[in-house]
Amino acid sequence: VRLVESGGGLVQPGGSLNLSCVVSGFTFSRYVMNWYRRAPGKERELAARISGAGGIPNYADSVKGRFTISRDNAKNTVYLQMNSLKPEDTAVYYCNANNWQYDYWGQGTQVTVSS
């Protein structure tokens, strides 16, 4: 099982980034996909979630209206489009796959929002 995130980096406030997570080793469409984040000195936070069929996503209040989660089941990939980034969005972002039985994690990608 592999979950490989990419797309992180350094961006100025107000900028955008698009994170990707490519998965392998399990049936992607049968898993809820989540983007979590952990900021320095803070608890891990669920930023966004999308069902296996790509239904209505859920967002943390802190990112609602700025982040968009999507998935392409044909490419085994989940995305997180992040717009209007703020310094408080600085964190390591983790891709997570979850169903009733299994829970898989990526290695994380650093997002830093700073001028």
C-alpha atoms as a PDB file:
ATOM      1  CA  VAL A   1       0.000   0.000   0.000  1.00  0.00           C
ATOM      2  CA  ARG A   2       1.350   3.412  -0.943  1.00  0.00           C
ATOM      3  CA  LEU A   3       0.019   6.936  -0.669  1.00  0.00           C
ATOM      4  CA  VAL A   4       2.342   9.537  -2.154  1.00  0.00           C
ATOM      5  CA  GLU A   5       1.591  13.226  -1.684  1.00  0.00           C
ATOM      6  CA  SER A   6       3.056  15.995  -3.801  1.00  0.00           C
ATOM      7  CA  GLY A   7       2.496  19.661  -4.549  1.00  0.00           C
ATOM      8  CA  GLY A   8       3.514  21.248  -1.288  1.00  0.00           C
ATOM      9  CA  GLY A   9       5.916  24.151  -1.027  1.00  0.00           C
ATOM     10  CA  LEU A  10       6.374  27.770  -0.080  1.00  0.00           C
ATOM     11  CA  VAL A  11       3.711  30.253  -1.165  1.00  0.00           C
ATOM     12  CA  GLN A  12       2.895  33.844  -0.293  1.00  0.00           C
ATOM     13  CA  PRO A  13      -0.313  34.732   1.545  1.00  0.00           C
ATOM     14  CA  GLY A  14      -3.203  34.852  -0.877  1.00  0.00           C
ATOM     15  CA  GLY A  15      -1.559  32.327  -3.157  1.00  0.00           C
ATOM     16  CA  SER A  16      -2.646  28.879  -4.253  1.00  0.00           C
ATOM     17  CA  LEU A  17      -1.330  25.338  -4.212  1.00  0.00           C
ATOM     18  CA  ASN A  18      -2.744  22.081  -5.531  1.00  0.00           C
ATOM     19  CA  LEU A  19      -1.838  18.966  -3.578  1.00  0.00           C
ATOM     20  CA  SER A  20      -2.049  15.503  -5.131  1.00  0.00           C
ATOM     21  CA  CYS A  21      -2.042  12.068  -3.543  1.00  0.00           C
ATOM     22  CA  VAL A  22      -1.532   9.042  -5.754  1.00  0.00           C
ATOM     23  CA  VAL A  23      -2.395   5.716  -4.164  1.00  0.00           C
ATOM     24  CA  SER A  24      -1.695   2.092  -4.962  1.00  0.00           C
ATOM     25  CA  GLY A  25      -2.162  -1.286  -3.370  1.00  0.00           C
ATOM     26  CA  PHE A  26      -5.867  -1.097  -2.563  1.00  0.00           C
ATOM     27  CA  THR A  27      -9.200  -0.447  -4.283  1.00  0.00           C
ATOM     28  CA  PHE A  28      -9.207   3.330  -4.249  1.00  0.00           C
ATOM     29  CA  SER A  29     -12.908   3.808  -5.040  1.00  0.00           C
ATOM     30  CA  ARG A  30     -13.932   1.884  -1.929  1.00  0.00           C
ATOM     31  CA  TYR A  31     -12.241   4.288   0.435  1.00  0.00           C
ATOM     32  CA  VAL A  32     -13.128   7.634   1.879  1.00  0.00           C
ATOM     33  CA  MET A  33     -10.223   9.961   1.217  1.00  0.00           C
ATOM     34  CA  ASN A  34      -9.178  12.614   3.665  1.00  0.00           C
ATOM     35  CA  TRP A  35      -6.666  15.430   3.820  1.00  0.00           C
ATOM     36  CA  TYR A  36      -5.404  16.041   7.334  1.00  0.00           C
ATOM     37  CA  ARG A  37      -2.950  18.655   8.440  1.00  0.00           C
ATOM     38  CA  ARG A  38      -0.731  19.200  11.442  1.00  0.00           C
ATOM     39  CA  ALA A  39       0.527  22.681  12.186  1.00  0.00           C
ATOM     40  CA  PRO A  40       3.536  23.225  14.455  1.00  0.00           C
ATOM     41  CA  GLY A  41       2.530  22.804  18.074  1.00  0.00           C
ATOM     42  CA  LYS A  42      -1.065  21.883  17.221  1.00  0.00           C
ATOM     43  CA  GLU A  43      -3.206  18.780  17.038  1.00  0.00           C
ATOM     44  CA  ARG A  44      -3.801  17.044  13.747  1.00  0.00           C
ATOM     45  CA  GLU A  45      -6.863  18.498  12.005  1.00  0.00           C
ATOM     46  CA  LEU A  46      -9.135  17.040   9.350  1.00  0.00           C
ATOM     47  CA  ALA A  47      -9.148  19.614   6.568  1.00  0.00           C
ATOM     48  CA  ALA A  48     -11.314  17.916   3.949  1.00  0.00           C
ATOM     49  CA  ARG A  49     -13.046  14.601   3.200  1.00  0.00           C
ATOM     50  CA  ILE A  50     -14.614  13.020   0.151  1.00  0.00           C
ATOM     51  CA  SER A  51     -16.508   9.742  -0.173  1.00  0.00           C
ATOM     52  CA  GLY A  52     -15.465   6.868  -2.397  1.00  0.00           C
ATOM     53  CA  ALA A  53     -18.013   7.787  -5.044  1.00  0.00           C
ATOM     54  CA  GLY A  54     -16.935  11.417  -4.966  1.00  0.00           C
ATOM     55  CA  GLY A  55     -20.078  12.661  -3.287  1.00  0.00           C
ATOM     56  CA  ILE A  56     -20.603  15.865  -1.357  1.00  0.00           C
ATOM     57  CA  PRO A  57     -17.326  16.727   0.366  1.00  0.00           C
ATOM     58  CA  ASN A  58     -16.887  17.938   3.928  1.00  0.00           C
ATOM     59  CA  TYR A  59     -14.576  20.700   5.079  1.00  0.00           C
ATOM     60  CA  ALA A  60     -13.256  22.099   8.296  1.00  0.00           C
ATOM     61  CA  ASP A  61     -14.709  25.527   9.006  1.00  0.00           C
ATOM     62  CA  SER A  62     -11.203  26.962   8.827  1.00  0.00           C
ATOM     63  CA  VAL A  63     -10.820  26.032   5.138  1.00  0.00           C
ATOM     64  CA  LYS A  64     -14.408  26.158   3.888  1.00  0.00           C
ATOM     65  CA  GLY A  65     -14.765  28.334   0.798  1.00  0.00           C
ATOM     66  CA  ARG A  66     -11.014  28.298   0.114  1.00  0.00           C
ATOM     67  CA  PHE A  67     -10.115  24.607  -0.275  1.00  0.00           C
ATOM     68  CA  THR A  68     -11.634  22.090  -2.680  1.00  0.00           C
ATOM     69  CA  ILE A  69     -11.155  18.335  -2.433  1.00  0.00           C
ATOM     70  CA  SER A  70     -11.714  16.154  -5.480  1.00  0.00           C
ATOM     71  CA  ARG A  71     -10.818  12.692  -6.686  1.00  0.00           C
ATOM     72  CA  ASP A  72     -10.253  10.848  -9.932  1.00  0.00           C
ATOM     73  CA  ASN A  73     -10.966   7.174  -9.363  1.00  0.00           C
ATOM     74  CA  ALA A  74      -9.589   6.287 -12.784  1.00  0.00           C
ATOM     75  CA  LYS A  75      -6.216   7.742 -11.772  1.00  0.00           C
ATOM     76  CA  ASN A  76      -6.262   6.602  -8.124  1.00  0.00           C
ATOM     77  CA  THR A  77      -5.656  10.199  -7.148  1.00  0.00           C
ATOM     78  CA  VAL A  78      -7.143  12.657  -4.697  1.00  0.00           C
ATOM     79  CA  TYR A  79      -6.497  16.388  -4.895  1.00  0.00           C
ATOM     80  CA  LEU A  80      -6.690  19.368  -2.598  1.00  0.00           C
ATOM     81  CA  GLN A  81      -6.903  22.711  -4.334  1.00  0.00           C
ATOM     82  CA  MET A  82      -5.989  25.412  -1.833  1.00  0.00           C
ATOM     83  CA  ASN A  83      -6.745  29.043  -2.643  1.00  0.00           C
ATOM     84  CA  SER A  84      -6.454  32.276  -0.680  1.00  0.00           C
ATOM     85  CA  LEU A  85      -3.843  30.683   1.525  1.00  0.00           C
ATOM     86  CA  LYS A  86      -3.135  32.196   4.921  1.00  0.00           C
ATOM     87  CA  PRO A  87      -0.104  31.883   7.203  1.00  0.00           C
ATOM     88  CA  GLU A  88      -2.227  29.763   9.550  1.00  0.00           C
ATOM     89  CA  ASP A  89      -2.561  27.169   6.781  1.00  0.00           C
ATOM     90  CA  THR A  90       1.120  26.361   7.274  1.00  0.00           C
ATOM     91  CA  ALA A  91       1.302  22.678   8.172  1.00  0.00           C
ATOM     92  CA  VAL A  92       2.293  19.245   7.018  1.00  0.00           C
ATOM     93  CA  TYR A  93      -0.581  17.908   4.926  1.00  0.00           C
ATOM     94  CA  TYR A  94      -1.307  14.187   4.988  1.00  0.00           C
ATOM     95  CA  CYS A  95      -3.360  12.058   2.656  1.00  0.00           C
ATOM     96  CA  ASN A  96      -5.458   9.397   4.409  1.00  0.00           C
ATOM     97  CA  ALA A  97      -7.532   6.515   3.059  1.00  0.00           C
ATOM     98  CA  ASN A  98     -10.154   5.037   5.337  1.00  0.00           C
ATOM     99  CA  ASN A  99     -12.865   2.435   5.276  1.00  0.00           C
ATOM    100  CA  TRP A 100     -14.542   0.419   7.986  1.00  0.00           C
ATOM    101  CA  GLN A 101     -11.580  -1.914   8.217  1.00  0.00           C
ATOM    102  CA  TYR A 102      -8.381  -0.179   7.157  1.00  0.00           C
ATOM    103  CA  ASP A 103      -6.664   3.151   7.609  1.00  0.00           C
ATOM    104  CA  TYR A 104      -3.710   4.180   5.418  1.00  0.00           C
ATOM    105  CA  TRP A 105      -1.493   7.265   5.546  1.00  0.00           C
ATOM    106  CA  GLY A 106       0.926   9.064   3.281  1.00  0.00           C
ATOM    107  CA  GLN A 107       4.217  10.529   4.393  1.00  0.00           C
ATOM    108  CA  GLY A 108       3.010  14.121   4.263  1.00  0.00           C
ATOM    109  CA  THR A 109       3.930  17.205   2.287  1.00  0.00           C
ATOM    110  CA  GLN A 110       4.961  20.530   3.799  1.00  0.00           C
ATOM    111  CA  VAL A 111       2.952  23.645   2.997  1.00  0.00           C
ATOM    112  CA  THR A 112       4.405  26.948   4.163  1.00  0.00           C
ATOM    113  CA  VAL A 113       2.527  30.212   3.703  1.00  0.00           C
ATOM    114  CA  SER A 114       4.797  33.157   4.313  1.00  0.00           C
ATOM    115  CA  SER A 115       5.858  36.447   2.783  1.00  0.00           C
END
